[in-house]
């Protein structure tokens, strides 16, 4: 690859997937400082990617875009004539932009089913990639998991870089723009632990009442707890809002010492949520983007994996990159006990 190459990388999916891609993107820039790196990402990741110095250009896409917007983006990509287009995303839109980008070289990841052996898994993408792409890395997740082979998303992305003859630095962490200092909101040198109230907490194994039992047993003498929410929290948590003090964005900038053991930080905008994650001594969350945000903030995390969705496989594929974490499973009868044990 030439020293002043133009590379476009497509990662049009969730926040966790984007975070797991950042070490590879940074690794390219370190090894090739004169290379221009453009990222196609979903609009939901705009705040996450803000001011990252190893990314030169951004193309933020509404994944439910209109036909006009779809064509505008395609024409823009074709006009840029990238030297290399790398597709990390398993979405139709991402593959389409890669295939028809007019880039000189194209590389794609194709993830086959992790749930069972399927002869025709992703057959359309496999056939089209042979026509349009120069580098194709097929990830047979079912076979890799069966043979206990490496399958972590970030490591798989590095394998595509090798295949595509891209030079990269071999030792990168997750790097985003972090707050300059931690929030000073706990009294008497108390720790701050954040519990992210994803609706994944509540399932056939674990109810809101189970969560209240956890709350009742959590030690509070030396710890304050921040309960962060998202747009779907109220779908499963019906009673929690009546029990604890609620703090929202309009009061966040005036935040002082927490006077309650438990405080709900409700639907914080991304920058405020990032400050809470960064300022915490520990995060407790079901497996979701929050676990990767914790890794980006270098905050240890307890992750609860869904017992009904191949928890061992999901943890191998999506564990936080180079970060301290503890794995728990949602159907564990001693889940609350193990969470409390993980606080020390």
C-alpha atoms as a PDB file:
ATOM      1  CA  UNK A   1       0.000   0.000   0.000  1.00  0.00           C
ATOM      2  CA  UNK A   2       1.382   3.408  -0.920  1.00  0.00           C
ATOM      3  CA  UNK A   3       2.370   5.771   1.890  1.00  0.00           C
ATOM      4  CA  UNK A   4      -0.268   8.424   1.096  1.00  0.00           C
ATOM      5  CA  UNK A   5      -3.111   6.013   0.406  1.00  0.00           C
ATOM      6  CA  UNK A   6      -6.789   6.752   0.986  1.00  0.00           C
ATOM      7  CA  UNK A   7      -8.613   4.071   2.982  1.00  0.00           C
ATOM      8  CA  UNK A   8     -12.342   3.928   3.669  1.00  0.00           C
ATOM      9  CA  UNK A   9     -13.587   1.666   6.469  1.00  0.00           C
ATOM     10  CA  UNK A  10     -17.254   0.821   6.863  1.00  0.00           C
ATOM     11  CA  UNK A  11     -18.569   0.025  10.349  1.00  0.00           C
ATOM     12  CA  UNK A  12     -22.293   0.778  10.198  1.00  0.00           C
ATOM     13  CA  UNK A  13     -23.634  -1.000  13.231  1.00  0.00           C
ATOM     14  CA  UNK A  14     -23.811  -0.715  17.022  1.00  0.00           C
ATOM     15  CA  UNK A  15     -21.581   1.199  19.425  1.00  0.00           C
ATOM     16  CA  UNK A  16     -19.902  -1.938  20.778  1.00  0.00           C
ATOM     17  CA  UNK A  17     -18.933  -3.071  17.278  1.00  0.00           C
ATOM     18  CA  UNK A  18     -17.525   0.376  16.517  1.00  0.00           C
ATOM     19  CA  UNK A  19     -15.472   0.405  19.710  1.00  0.00           C
ATOM     20  CA  UNK A  20     -14.042  -3.035  18.938  1.00  0.00           C
ATOM     21  CA  UNK A  21     -12.943  -1.730  15.521  1.00  0.00           C
ATOM     22  CA  UNK A  22     -11.059   1.301  16.871  1.00  0.00           C
ATOM     23  CA  UNK A  23      -7.829  -0.530  17.865  1.00  0.00           C
ATOM     24  CA  UNK A  24      -7.368  -1.718  14.271  1.00  0.00           C
ATOM     25  CA  UNK A  25      -8.151   1.706  12.809  1.00  0.00           C
ATOM     26  CA  UNK A  26      -5.672   3.346  15.160  1.00  0.00           C
ATOM     27  CA  UNK A  27      -3.097   0.633  14.341  1.00  0.00           C
ATOM     28  CA  UNK A  28      -3.319   1.527  10.632  1.00  0.00           C
ATOM     29  CA  UNK A  29      -2.770   5.229  11.326  1.00  0.00           C
ATOM     30  CA  UNK A  30       0.225   4.648  13.615  1.00  0.00           C
ATOM     31  CA  UNK A  31       1.971   2.512  10.991  1.00  0.00           C
ATOM     32  CA  UNK A  32       0.889   4.754   8.091  1.00  0.00           C
ATOM     33  CA  UNK A  33       0.673   8.345   9.383  1.00  0.00           C
ATOM     34  CA  UNK A  34       0.279   9.834   5.895  1.00  0.00           C
ATOM     35  CA  UNK A  35      -2.627   7.568   5.021  1.00  0.00           C
ATOM     36  CA  UNK A  36      -6.023   9.283   4.911  1.00  0.00           C
ATOM     37  CA  UNK A  37      -8.579   7.219   6.844  1.00  0.00           C
ATOM     38  CA  UNK A  38     -12.289   7.766   6.311  1.00  0.00           C
ATOM     39  CA  UNK A  39     -14.945   6.022   8.369  1.00  0.00           C
ATOM     40  CA  UNK A  40     -18.519   5.245   7.386  1.00  0.00           C
ATOM     41  CA  UNK A  41     -20.509   4.875  10.600  1.00  0.00           C
ATOM     42  CA  UNK A  42     -24.089   4.999  11.783  1.00  0.00           C
ATOM     43  CA  UNK A  43     -25.288   8.371  13.044  1.00  0.00           C
ATOM     44  CA  UNK A  44     -25.707   6.809  16.479  1.00  0.00           C
ATOM     45  CA  UNK A  45     -21.900   6.694  16.770  1.00  0.00           C
ATOM     46  CA  UNK A  46     -21.323  10.362  15.939  1.00  0.00           C
ATOM     47  CA  UNK A  47     -20.641  11.338  19.559  1.00  0.00           C
ATOM     48  CA  UNK A  48     -18.426   8.315  20.206  1.00  0.00           C
ATOM     49  CA  UNK A  49     -16.141   9.189  17.290  1.00  0.00           C
ATOM     50  CA  UNK A  50     -16.014  12.943  17.895  1.00  0.00           C
ATOM     51  CA  UNK A  51     -12.477  14.432  17.696  1.00  0.00           C
ATOM     52  CA  UNK A  52     -10.621  11.110  17.391  1.00  0.00           C
ATOM     53  CA  UNK A  53      -7.261  12.179  15.950  1.00  0.00           C
ATOM     54  CA  UNK A  54      -6.440   9.019  13.989  1.00  0.00           C
ATOM     55  CA  UNK A  55      -9.574   9.324  11.817  1.00  0.00           C
ATOM     56  CA  UNK A  56      -9.424  11.975   9.095  1.00  0.00           C
ATOM     57  CA  UNK A  57     -12.940  11.957   7.675  1.00  0.00           C
ATOM     58  CA  UNK A  58     -16.375  10.778   8.747  1.00  0.00           C
ATOM     59  CA  UNK A  59     -19.412   9.764   6.750  1.00  0.00           C
ATOM     60  CA  UNK A  60     -22.345   9.317   9.121  1.00  0.00           C
ATOM     61  CA  UNK A  61     -25.205   7.309   7.693  1.00  0.00           C
ATOM     62  CA  UNK A  62     -28.786   6.932   8.795  1.00  0.00           C
ATOM     63  CA  UNK A  63     -29.244   3.185   8.383  1.00  0.00           C
ATOM     64  CA  UNK A  64     -32.922   3.815   7.557  1.00  0.00           C
ATOM     65  CA  UNK A  65     -32.008   6.366   4.920  1.00  0.00           C
ATOM     66  CA  UNK A  66     -34.168   7.347   1.966  1.00  0.00           C
ATOM     67  CA  UNK A  67     -33.361   6.352  -1.590  1.00  0.00           C
ATOM     68  CA  UNK A  68     -32.086   9.876  -2.320  1.00  0.00           C
ATOM     69  CA  UNK A  69     -29.692   9.812   0.632  1.00  0.00           C
ATOM     70  CA  UNK A  70     -28.624   6.310  -0.293  1.00  0.00           C
ATOM     71  CA  UNK A  71     -27.689   7.412  -3.815  1.00  0.00           C
ATOM     72  CA  UNK A  72     -25.972  10.602  -2.582  1.00  0.00           C
ATOM     73  CA  UNK A  73     -23.723   8.551  -0.316  1.00  0.00           C
ATOM     74  CA  UNK A  74     -22.947   6.092  -3.093  1.00  0.00           C
ATOM     75  CA  UNK A  75     -22.033   8.844  -5.568  1.00  0.00           C
ATOM     76  CA  UNK A  76     -19.847  10.503  -2.945  1.00  0.00           C
ATOM     77  CA  UNK A  77     -17.978   7.258  -2.261  1.00  0.00           C
ATOM     78  CA  UNK A  78     -17.477   6.570  -5.955  1.00  0.00           C
ATOM     79  CA  UNK A  79     -16.180  10.095  -6.522  1.00  0.00           C
ATOM     80  CA  UNK A  80     -13.546   9.697  -3.772  1.00  0.00           C
ATOM     81  CA  UNK A  81     -11.925   6.705  -5.544  1.00  0.00           C
ATOM     82  CA  UNK A  82     -10.319   5.198  -2.457  1.00  0.00           C
ATOM     83  CA  UNK A  83      -7.215   3.057  -2.754  1.00  0.00           C
ATOM     84  CA  UNK A  84      -8.758   0.545  -0.366  1.00  0.00           C
ATOM     85  CA  UNK A  85     -12.256   0.001   0.976  1.00  0.00           C
ATOM     86  CA  UNK A  86     -12.585  -2.303   3.988  1.00  0.00           C
ATOM     87  CA  UNK A  87     -15.976  -3.548   5.100  1.00  0.00           C
ATOM     88  CA  UNK A  88     -16.145  -4.654   8.748  1.00  0.00           C
ATOM     89  CA  UNK A  89     -19.959  -4.678   8.980  1.00  0.00           C
ATOM     90  CA  UNK A  90     -22.320  -7.576   8.255  1.00  0.00           C
ATOM     91  CA  UNK A  91     -25.106  -5.315   6.945  1.00  0.00           C
ATOM     92  CA  UNK A  92     -26.483  -5.184   3.401  1.00  0.00           C
ATOM     93  CA  UNK A  93     -25.882  -1.435   3.124  1.00  0.00           C
ATOM     94  CA  UNK A  94     -22.248  -1.795   4.151  1.00  0.00           C
ATOM     95  CA  UNK A  95     -21.587  -4.569   1.648  1.00  0.00           C
ATOM     96  CA  UNK A  96     -23.360  -2.600  -1.102  1.00  0.00           C
ATOM     97  CA  UNK A  97     -21.252   0.523  -0.545  1.00  0.00           C
ATOM     98  CA  UNK A  98     -18.123  -1.616  -0.564  1.00  0.00           C
ATOM     99  CA  UNK A  99     -19.013  -3.487  -3.768  1.00  0.00           C
ATOM    100  CA  UNK A 100     -19.866  -0.329  -5.726  1.00  0.00           C
ATOM    101  CA  UNK A 101     -17.476   2.167  -4.129  1.00  0.00           C
ATOM    102  CA  UNK A 102     -15.116   2.270  -7.129  1.00  0.00           C
ATOM    103  CA  UNK A 103     -12.181   1.730  -4.756  1.00  0.00           C
ATOM    104  CA  UNK A 104      -9.040   0.320  -6.331  1.00  0.00           C
ATOM    105  CA  UNK A 105      -8.971  -2.594  -3.861  1.00  0.00           C
ATOM    106  CA  UNK A 106     -11.732  -3.950  -1.630  1.00  0.00           C
ATOM    107  CA  UNK A 107     -11.668  -6.226   1.393  1.00  0.00           C
ATOM    108  CA  UNK A 108     -14.592  -7.733   3.301  1.00  0.00           C
ATOM    109  CA  UNK A 109     -15.299  -9.763   6.394  1.00  0.00           C
ATOM    110  CA  UNK A 110     -18.018 -12.380   6.013  1.00  0.00           C
ATOM    111  CA  UNK A 111     -19.287 -13.820   9.292  1.00  0.00           C
ATOM    112  CA  UNK A 112     -20.953 -17.209   8.940  1.00  0.00           C
ATOM    113  CA  UNK A 113     -23.524 -18.402  11.472  1.00  0.00           C
ATOM    114  CA  UNK A 114     -22.306 -19.115  14.999  1.00  0.00           C
ATOM    115  CA  UNK A 115     -25.418 -21.111  15.903  1.00  0.00           C
ATOM    116  CA  UNK A 116     -25.160 -24.129  13.613  1.00  0.00           C
ATOM    117  CA  UNK A 117     -23.361 -25.391  10.552  1.00  0.00           C
ATOM    118  CA  UNK A 118     -25.037 -23.931   7.473  1.00  0.00           C
ATOM    119  CA  UNK A 119     -23.736 -24.864   4.051  1.00  0.00           C
ATOM    120  CA  UNK A 120     -25.293 -21.817   2.412  1.00  0.00           C
ATOM    121  CA  UNK A 121     -24.714 -19.294   5.186  1.00  0.00           C
ATOM    122  CA  UNK A 122     -24.225 -15.806   3.655  1.00  0.00           C
ATOM    123  CA  UNK A 123     -24.035 -17.429   0.211  1.00  0.00           C
ATOM    124  CA  UNK A 124     -25.120 -14.238  -1.615  1.00  0.00           C
ATOM    125  CA  UNK A 125     -22.409 -12.136   0.020  1.00  0.00           C
ATOM    126  CA  UNK A 126     -19.819 -14.833  -0.599  1.00  0.00           C
ATOM    127  CA  UNK A 127     -20.636 -15.006  -4.323  1.00  0.00           C
ATOM    128  CA  UNK A 128     -20.841 -11.234  -4.799  1.00  0.00           C
ATOM    129  CA  UNK A 129     -17.616 -10.693  -2.870  1.00  0.00           C
ATOM    130  CA  UNK A 130     -15.801 -12.991  -5.300  1.00  0.00           C
ATOM    131  CA  UNK A 131     -16.950 -10.737  -8.114  1.00  0.00           C
ATOM    132  CA  UNK A 132     -16.333  -7.327  -6.544  1.00  0.00           C
ATOM    133  CA  UNK A 133     -13.631  -7.788  -3.895  1.00  0.00           C
ATOM    134  CA  UNK A 134      -9.913  -8.511  -3.859  1.00  0.00           C
ATOM    135  CA  UNK A 135      -9.655  -9.739  -0.269  1.00  0.00           C
ATOM    136  CA  UNK A 136     -12.270 -11.925   1.401  1.00  0.00           C
ATOM    137  CA  UNK A 137     -11.917 -13.184   4.948  1.00  0.00           C
ATOM    138  CA  UNK A 138     -14.633 -15.727   5.727  1.00  0.00           C
ATOM    139  CA  UNK A 139     -15.148 -16.262   9.448  1.00  0.00           C
ATOM    140  CA  UNK A 140     -16.710 -19.677  10.036  1.00  0.00           C
ATOM    141  CA  UNK A 141     -17.825 -18.925  13.558  1.00  0.00           C
ATOM    142  CA  UNK A 142     -19.517 -22.261  14.172  1.00  0.00           C
ATOM    143  CA  UNK A 143     -16.365 -24.211  13.252  1.00  0.00           C
ATOM    144  CA  UNK A 144     -14.014 -21.834  15.077  1.00  0.00           C
ATOM    145  CA  UNK A 145     -16.064 -22.040  18.260  1.00  0.00           C
ATOM    146  CA  UNK A 146     -16.395 -25.805  17.988  1.00  0.00           C
ATOM    147  CA  UNK A 147     -12.602 -26.114  17.770  1.00  0.00           C
ATOM    148  CA  UNK A 148     -12.007 -23.483  20.483  1.00  0.00           C
ATOM    149  CA  UNK A 149     -10.184 -21.184  18.052  1.00  0.00           C
ATOM    150  CA  UNK A 150      -9.754 -17.419  18.256  1.00  0.00           C
ATOM    151  CA  UNK A 151     -12.868 -15.532  17.203  1.00  0.00           C
ATOM    152  CA  UNK A 152     -12.711 -12.148  18.913  1.00  0.00           C
ATOM    153  CA  UNK A 153     -14.037  -9.375  16.658  1.00  0.00           C
ATOM    154  CA  UNK A 154     -10.973  -7.157  16.978  1.00  0.00           C
ATOM    155  CA  UNK A 155      -8.536  -9.985  16.243  1.00  0.00           C
ATOM    156  CA  UNK A 156     -10.598 -11.024  13.219  1.00  0.00           C
ATOM    157  CA  UNK A 157     -10.418  -7.447  11.903  1.00  0.00           C
ATOM    158  CA  UNK A 158      -6.629  -7.538  12.255  1.00  0.00           C
ATOM    159  CA  UNK A 159      -6.639 -10.738  10.190  1.00  0.00           C
ATOM    160  CA  UNK A 160      -8.428  -8.892   7.371  1.00  0.00           C
ATOM    161  CA  UNK A 161      -5.768  -6.169   7.530  1.00  0.00           C
ATOM    162  CA  UNK A 162      -3.059  -8.813   7.105  1.00  0.00           C
ATOM    163  CA  UNK A 163      -4.892 -10.360   4.177  1.00  0.00           C
ATOM    164  CA  UNK A 164      -5.327  -6.937   2.576  1.00  0.00           C
ATOM    165  CA  UNK A 165      -1.574  -6.176   2.854  1.00  0.00           C
ATOM    166  CA  UNK A 166      -2.152  -3.239   5.195  1.00  0.00           C
ATOM    167  CA  UNK A 167       0.721  -2.362   7.516  1.00  0.00           C
ATOM    168  CA  UNK A 168      -0.360  -1.833  11.103  1.00  0.00           C
ATOM    169  CA  UNK A 169       1.044  -1.306  14.582  1.00  0.00           C
ATOM    170  CA  UNK A 170       0.632  -4.494  16.573  1.00  0.00           C
ATOM    171  CA  UNK A 171      -0.149  -3.235  20.081  1.00  0.00           C
ATOM    172  CA  UNK A 172      -3.095  -0.848  20.313  1.00  0.00           C
ATOM    173  CA  UNK A 173      -5.761  -0.290  22.941  1.00  0.00           C
ATOM    174  CA  UNK A 174      -9.123   1.397  22.541  1.00  0.00           C
ATOM    175  CA  UNK A 175      -8.578   5.133  22.196  1.00  0.00           C
ATOM    176  CA  UNK A 176     -11.406   7.655  22.289  1.00  0.00           C
ATOM    177  CA  UNK A 177     -11.493  11.231  23.584  1.00  0.00           C
ATOM    178  CA  UNK A 178     -11.966  10.923  27.347  1.00  0.00           C
ATOM    179  CA  UNK A 179     -12.925  13.592  29.907  1.00  0.00           C
ATOM    180  CA  UNK A 180      -9.995  15.560  31.310  1.00  0.00           C
ATOM    181  CA  UNK A 181     -10.878  14.651  34.894  1.00  0.00           C
ATOM    182  CA  UNK A 182     -13.192  12.392  36.852  1.00  0.00           C
ATOM    183  CA  UNK A 183     -16.392  13.644  38.432  1.00  0.00           C
ATOM    184  CA  UNK A 184     -16.018  14.459  42.111  1.00  0.00           C
ATOM    185  CA  UNK A 185     -19.479  13.330  43.251  1.00  0.00           C
ATOM    186  CA  UNK A 186     -18.838  10.899  46.108  1.00  0.00           C
ATOM    187  CA  UNK A 187     -18.335  11.847  49.738  1.00  0.00           C
ATOM    188  CA  UNK A 188     -15.717  10.638  52.241  1.00  0.00           C
ATOM    189  CA  UNK A 189     -13.653   8.928  49.550  1.00  0.00           C
ATOM    190  CA  UNK A 190     -16.492   6.598  48.628  1.00  0.00           C
ATOM    191  CA  UNK A 191     -16.211   4.561  45.456  1.00  0.00           C
ATOM    192  CA  UNK A 192     -18.603   5.111  42.574  1.00  0.00           C
ATOM    193  CA  UNK A 193     -20.110   2.003  40.986  1.00  0.00           C
ATOM    194  CA  UNK A 194     -22.353   2.313  37.943  1.00  0.00           C
ATOM    195  CA  UNK A 195     -25.100  -0.199  37.205  1.00  0.00           C
ATOM    196  CA  UNK A 196     -26.350   0.154  33.650  1.00  0.00           C
ATOM    197  CA  UNK A 197     -30.075  -0.603  33.499  1.00  0.00           C
ATOM    198  CA  UNK A 198     -30.254  -2.181  30.067  1.00  0.00           C
ATOM    199  CA  UNK A 199     -33.554  -3.988  29.576  1.00  0.00           C
ATOM    200  CA  UNK A 200     -31.461  -7.161  29.168  1.00  0.00           C
ATOM    201  CA  UNK A 201     -31.390  -7.433  32.964  1.00  0.00           C
ATOM    202  CA  UNK A 202     -34.992  -8.613  32.994  1.00  0.00           C
ATOM    203  CA  UNK A 203     -35.690 -12.059  31.511  1.00  0.00           C
ATOM    204  CA  UNK A 204     -37.214 -15.417  32.419  1.00  0.00           C
ATOM    205  CA  UNK A 205     -34.405 -16.000  34.926  1.00  0.00           C
ATOM    206  CA  UNK A 206     -34.231 -12.564  36.522  1.00  0.00           C
ATOM    207  CA  UNK A 207     -37.059 -10.185  37.413  1.00  0.00           C
ATOM    208  CA  UNK A 208     -37.244  -6.614  38.628  1.00  0.00           C
ATOM    209  CA  UNK A 209     -37.877  -8.078  42.070  1.00  0.00           C
ATOM    210  CA  UNK A 210     -34.556  -9.955  41.762  1.00  0.00           C
ATOM    211  CA  UNK A 211     -32.925  -6.612  41.018  1.00  0.00           C
ATOM    212  CA  UNK A 212     -34.486  -5.050  44.121  1.00  0.00           C
ATOM    213  CA  UNK A 213     -33.083  -7.937  46.166  1.00  0.00           C
ATOM    214  CA  UNK A 214     -29.649  -7.133  44.718  1.00  0.00           C
ATOM    215  CA  UNK A 215     -30.071  -3.452  45.597  1.00  0.00           C
ATOM    216  CA  UNK A 216     -31.034  -4.368  49.163  1.00  0.00           C
ATOM    217  CA  UNK A 217     -27.828  -6.370  49.654  1.00  0.00           C
ATOM    218  CA  UNK A 218     -25.338  -4.034  47.986  1.00  0.00           C
ATOM    219  CA  UNK A 219     -22.916  -2.460  50.466  1.00  0.00           C
ATOM    220  CA  UNK A 220     -23.359   1.309  50.771  1.00  0.00           C
ATOM    221  CA  UNK A 221     -21.018   2.360  53.572  1.00  0.00           C
ATOM    222  CA  UNK A 222     -18.120   2.981  51.191  1.00  0.00           C
ATOM    223  CA  UNK A 223     -19.919   3.015  47.827  1.00  0.00           C
ATOM    224  CA  UNK A 224     -22.350   5.263  45.934  1.00  0.00           C
ATOM    225  CA  UNK A 225     -24.244   3.747  43.020  1.00  0.00           C
ATOM    226  CA  UNK A 226     -25.176   5.430  39.753  1.00  0.00           C
ATOM    227  CA  UNK A 227     -28.007   3.701  37.873  1.00  0.00           C
ATOM    228  CA  UNK A 228     -27.749   4.732  34.221  1.00  0.00           C
ATOM    229  CA  UNK A 229     -30.627   4.204  31.825  1.00  0.00           C
ATOM    230  CA  UNK A 230     -31.239   4.191  28.078  1.00  0.00           C
ATOM    231  CA  UNK A 231     -34.281   4.637  25.861  1.00  0.00           C
ATOM    232  CA  UNK A 232     -35.458   1.047  26.489  1.00  0.00           C
ATOM    233  CA  UNK A 233     -34.983   0.819  30.267  1.00  0.00           C
ATOM    234  CA  UNK A 234     -38.630   1.560  31.071  1.00  0.00           C
ATOM    235  CA  UNK A 235     -39.747  -1.371  28.918  1.00  0.00           C
ATOM    236  CA  UNK A 236     -38.601  -3.794  31.620  1.00  0.00           C
ATOM    237  CA  UNK A 237     -38.017  -1.690  34.746  1.00  0.00           C
ATOM    238  CA  UNK A 238     -41.456  -0.534  35.924  1.00  0.00           C
ATOM    239  CA  UNK A 239     -40.926   0.220  39.617  1.00  0.00           C
ATOM    240  CA  UNK A 240     -37.332   1.427  39.861  1.00  0.00           C
ATOM    241  CA  UNK A 241     -38.214   5.039  38.982  1.00  0.00           C
ATOM    242  CA  UNK A 242     -40.541   5.313  41.981  1.00  0.00           C
ATOM    243  CA  UNK A 243     -37.877   4.199  44.440  1.00  0.00           C
ATOM    244  CA  UNK A 244     -34.811   6.348  43.766  1.00  0.00           C
ATOM    245  CA  UNK A 245     -33.909   9.960  43.114  1.00  0.00           C
ATOM    246  CA  UNK A 246     -33.754  10.770  39.383  1.00  0.00           C
ATOM    247  CA  UNK A 247     -31.141  13.061  37.843  1.00  0.00           C
ATOM    248  CA  UNK A 248     -31.450  14.088  34.194  1.00  0.00           C
ATOM    249  CA  UNK A 249     -29.361  16.061  31.710  1.00  0.00           C
ATOM    250  CA  UNK A 250     -30.708  19.472  32.681  1.00  0.00           C
ATOM    251  CA  UNK A 251     -29.298  19.053  36.209  1.00  0.00           C
ATOM    252  CA  UNK A 252     -26.106  17.240  35.292  1.00  0.00           C
ATOM    253  CA  UNK A 253     -23.826  20.258  34.957  1.00  0.00           C
ATOM    254  CA  UNK A 254     -24.803  21.357  38.485  1.00  0.00           C
ATOM    255  CA  UNK A 255     -24.125  17.913  39.937  1.00  0.00           C
ATOM    256  CA  UNK A 256     -22.584  17.961  43.401  1.00  0.00           C
ATOM    257  CA  UNK A 257     -21.904  15.274  45.998  1.00  0.00           C
ATOM    258  CA  UNK A 258     -24.457  12.453  45.752  1.00  0.00           C
ATOM    259  CA  UNK A 259     -26.642  12.546  48.848  1.00  0.00           C
ATOM    260  CA  UNK A 260     -28.294   9.190  48.187  1.00  0.00           C
ATOM    261  CA  UNK A 261     -26.780   5.720  48.070  1.00  0.00           C
ATOM    262  CA  UNK A 262     -28.537   5.110  44.729  1.00  0.00           C
ATOM    263  CA  UNK A 263     -29.228   7.733  42.062  1.00  0.00           C
ATOM    264  CA  UNK A 264     -30.849   7.170  38.675  1.00  0.00           C
ATOM    265  CA  UNK A 265     -29.024   9.045  35.901  1.00  0.00           C
ATOM    266  CA  UNK A 266     -31.848   9.045  33.398  1.00  0.00           C
ATOM    267  CA  UNK A 267     -31.261   9.033  29.628  1.00  0.00           C
ATOM    268  CA  UNK A 268     -28.040  11.015  29.807  1.00  0.00           C
ATOM    269  CA  UNK A 269     -26.693  12.452  26.593  1.00  0.00           C
ATOM    270  CA  UNK A 270     -23.574  10.630  25.446  1.00  0.00           C
ATOM    271  CA  UNK A 271     -20.980  13.059  26.847  1.00  0.00           C
ATOM    272  CA  UNK A 272     -22.564  13.002  30.304  1.00  0.00           C
ATOM    273  CA  UNK A 273     -22.917   9.217  30.273  1.00  0.00           C
ATOM    274  CA  UNK A 274     -19.252   8.923  29.254  1.00  0.00           C
ATOM    275  CA  UNK A 275     -18.253  11.094  32.226  1.00  0.00           C
ATOM    276  CA  UNK A 276     -20.107   8.773  34.595  1.00  0.00           C
ATOM    277  CA  UNK A 277     -18.544   5.626  33.089  1.00  0.00           C
ATOM    278  CA  UNK A 278     -15.078   7.222  33.135  1.00  0.00           C
ATOM    279  CA  UNK A 279     -15.497   8.363  36.757  1.00  0.00           C
ATOM    280  CA  UNK A 280     -16.669   4.971  38.034  1.00  0.00           C
ATOM    281  CA  UNK A 281     -14.536   2.424  39.844  1.00  0.00           C
ATOM    282  CA  UNK A 282     -16.612  -0.440  38.413  1.00  0.00           C
ATOM    283  CA  UNK A 283     -19.413  -0.982  35.895  1.00  0.00           C
ATOM    284  CA  UNK A 284     -22.089  -3.675  36.212  1.00  0.00           C
ATOM    285  CA  UNK A 285     -24.055  -4.346  33.029  1.00  0.00           C
ATOM    286  CA  UNK A 286     -25.606  -7.015  30.835  1.00  0.00           C
ATOM    287  CA  UNK A 287     -23.592  -7.637  27.661  1.00  0.00           C
ATOM    288  CA  UNK A 288     -24.169  -4.564  25.499  1.00  0.00           C
ATOM    289  CA  UNK A 289     -22.405  -1.427  24.294  1.00  0.00           C
ATOM    290  CA  UNK A 290     -21.899  -0.296  27.890  1.00  0.00           C
ATOM    291  CA  UNK A 291     -19.388  -3.112  28.492  1.00  0.00           C
ATOM    292  CA  UNK A 292     -17.259  -1.813  25.610  1.00  0.00           C
ATOM    293  CA  UNK A 293     -17.679   1.794  26.702  1.00  0.00           C
ATOM    294  CA  UNK A 294     -16.279   0.697  30.068  1.00  0.00           C
ATOM    295  CA  UNK A 295     -13.259  -0.760  28.271  1.00  0.00           C
ATOM    296  CA  UNK A 296     -12.799   2.480  26.312  1.00  0.00           C
ATOM    297  CA  UNK A 297     -12.803   4.366  29.637  1.00  0.00           C
ATOM    298  CA  UNK A 298     -10.422   1.811  31.186  1.00  0.00           C
ATOM    299  CA  UNK A 299     -13.004   0.988  33.858  1.00  0.00           C
ATOM    300  CA  UNK A 300     -13.322  -2.629  35.115  1.00  0.00           C
ATOM    301  CA  UNK A 301     -16.663  -4.223  34.320  1.00  0.00           C
ATOM    302  CA  UNK A 302     -18.861  -7.104  35.434  1.00  0.00           C
ATOM    303  CA  UNK A 303     -20.717  -8.400  32.369  1.00  0.00           C
ATOM    304  CA  UNK A 304     -23.847 -10.550  32.545  1.00  0.00           C
ATOM    305  CA  UNK A 305     -24.222 -12.704  29.431  1.00  0.00           C
ATOM    306  CA  UNK A 306     -27.566 -13.983  28.153  1.00  0.00           C
ATOM    307  CA  UNK A 307     -27.897 -17.678  29.042  1.00  0.00           C
ATOM    308  CA  UNK A 308     -30.156 -18.263  26.017  1.00  0.00           C
ATOM    309  CA  UNK A 309     -27.775 -16.785  23.451  1.00  0.00           C
ATOM    310  CA  UNK A 310     -24.611 -18.921  23.530  1.00  0.00           C
ATOM    311  CA  UNK A 311     -22.970 -16.972  26.373  1.00  0.00           C
ATOM    312  CA  UNK A 312     -19.600 -18.693  25.995  1.00  0.00           C
ATOM    313  CA  UNK A 313     -19.550 -17.981  22.269  1.00  0.00           C
ATOM    314  CA  UNK A 314     -20.674 -14.363  22.679  1.00  0.00           C
ATOM    315  CA  UNK A 315     -18.060 -13.730  25.369  1.00  0.00           C
ATOM    316  CA  UNK A 316     -15.294 -15.147  23.145  1.00  0.00           C
ATOM    317  CA  UNK A 317     -16.400 -12.996  20.233  1.00  0.00           C
ATOM    318  CA  UNK A 318     -17.164  -9.750  22.060  1.00  0.00           C
ATOM    319  CA  UNK A 319     -15.258  -9.615  25.346  1.00  0.00           C
ATOM    320  CA  UNK A 320     -13.887  -6.118  26.159  1.00  0.00           C
ATOM    321  CA  UNK A 321     -10.598  -5.500  24.358  1.00  0.00           C
ATOM    322  CA  UNK A 322      -7.561  -5.474  26.681  1.00  0.00           C
ATOM    323  CA  UNK A 323      -9.708  -4.594  29.676  1.00  0.00           C
ATOM    324  CA  UNK A 324     -10.399  -6.054  33.102  1.00  0.00           C
ATOM    325  CA  UNK A 325     -13.757  -7.819  33.218  1.00  0.00           C
ATOM    326  CA  UNK A 326     -15.648 -10.553  35.039  1.00  0.00           C
ATOM    327  CA  UNK A 327     -18.091 -12.820  33.204  1.00  0.00           C
ATOM    328  CA  UNK A 328     -21.418 -13.919  34.724  1.00  0.00           C
ATOM    329  CA  UNK A 329     -24.391 -15.762  33.182  1.00  0.00           C
ATOM    330  CA  UNK A 330     -28.005 -14.595  33.476  1.00  0.00           C
ATOM    331  CA  UNK A 331     -29.435 -17.956  34.598  1.00  0.00           C
ATOM    332  CA  UNK A 332     -27.021 -18.356  37.516  1.00  0.00           C
ATOM    333  CA  UNK A 333     -29.112 -18.895  40.671  1.00  0.00           C
ATOM    334  CA  UNK A 334     -26.386 -17.159  42.659  1.00  0.00           C
ATOM    335  CA  UNK A 335     -26.134 -14.207  40.287  1.00  0.00           C
ATOM    336  CA  UNK A 336     -26.758 -11.538  42.926  1.00  0.00           C
ATOM    337  CA  UNK A 337     -24.266 -13.143  45.295  1.00  0.00           C
ATOM    338  CA  UNK A 338     -21.599 -13.287  42.599  1.00  0.00           C
ATOM    339  CA  UNK A 339     -22.204  -9.651  41.638  1.00  0.00           C
ATOM    340  CA  UNK A 340     -21.670  -8.605  45.242  1.00  0.00           C
ATOM    341  CA  UNK A 341     -18.546 -10.782  45.505  1.00  0.00           C
ATOM    342  CA  UNK A 342     -17.231  -9.064  42.357  1.00  0.00           C
ATOM    343  CA  UNK A 343     -17.323  -5.648  44.022  1.00  0.00           C
ATOM    344  CA  UNK A 344     -14.096  -6.345  45.924  1.00  0.00           C
END
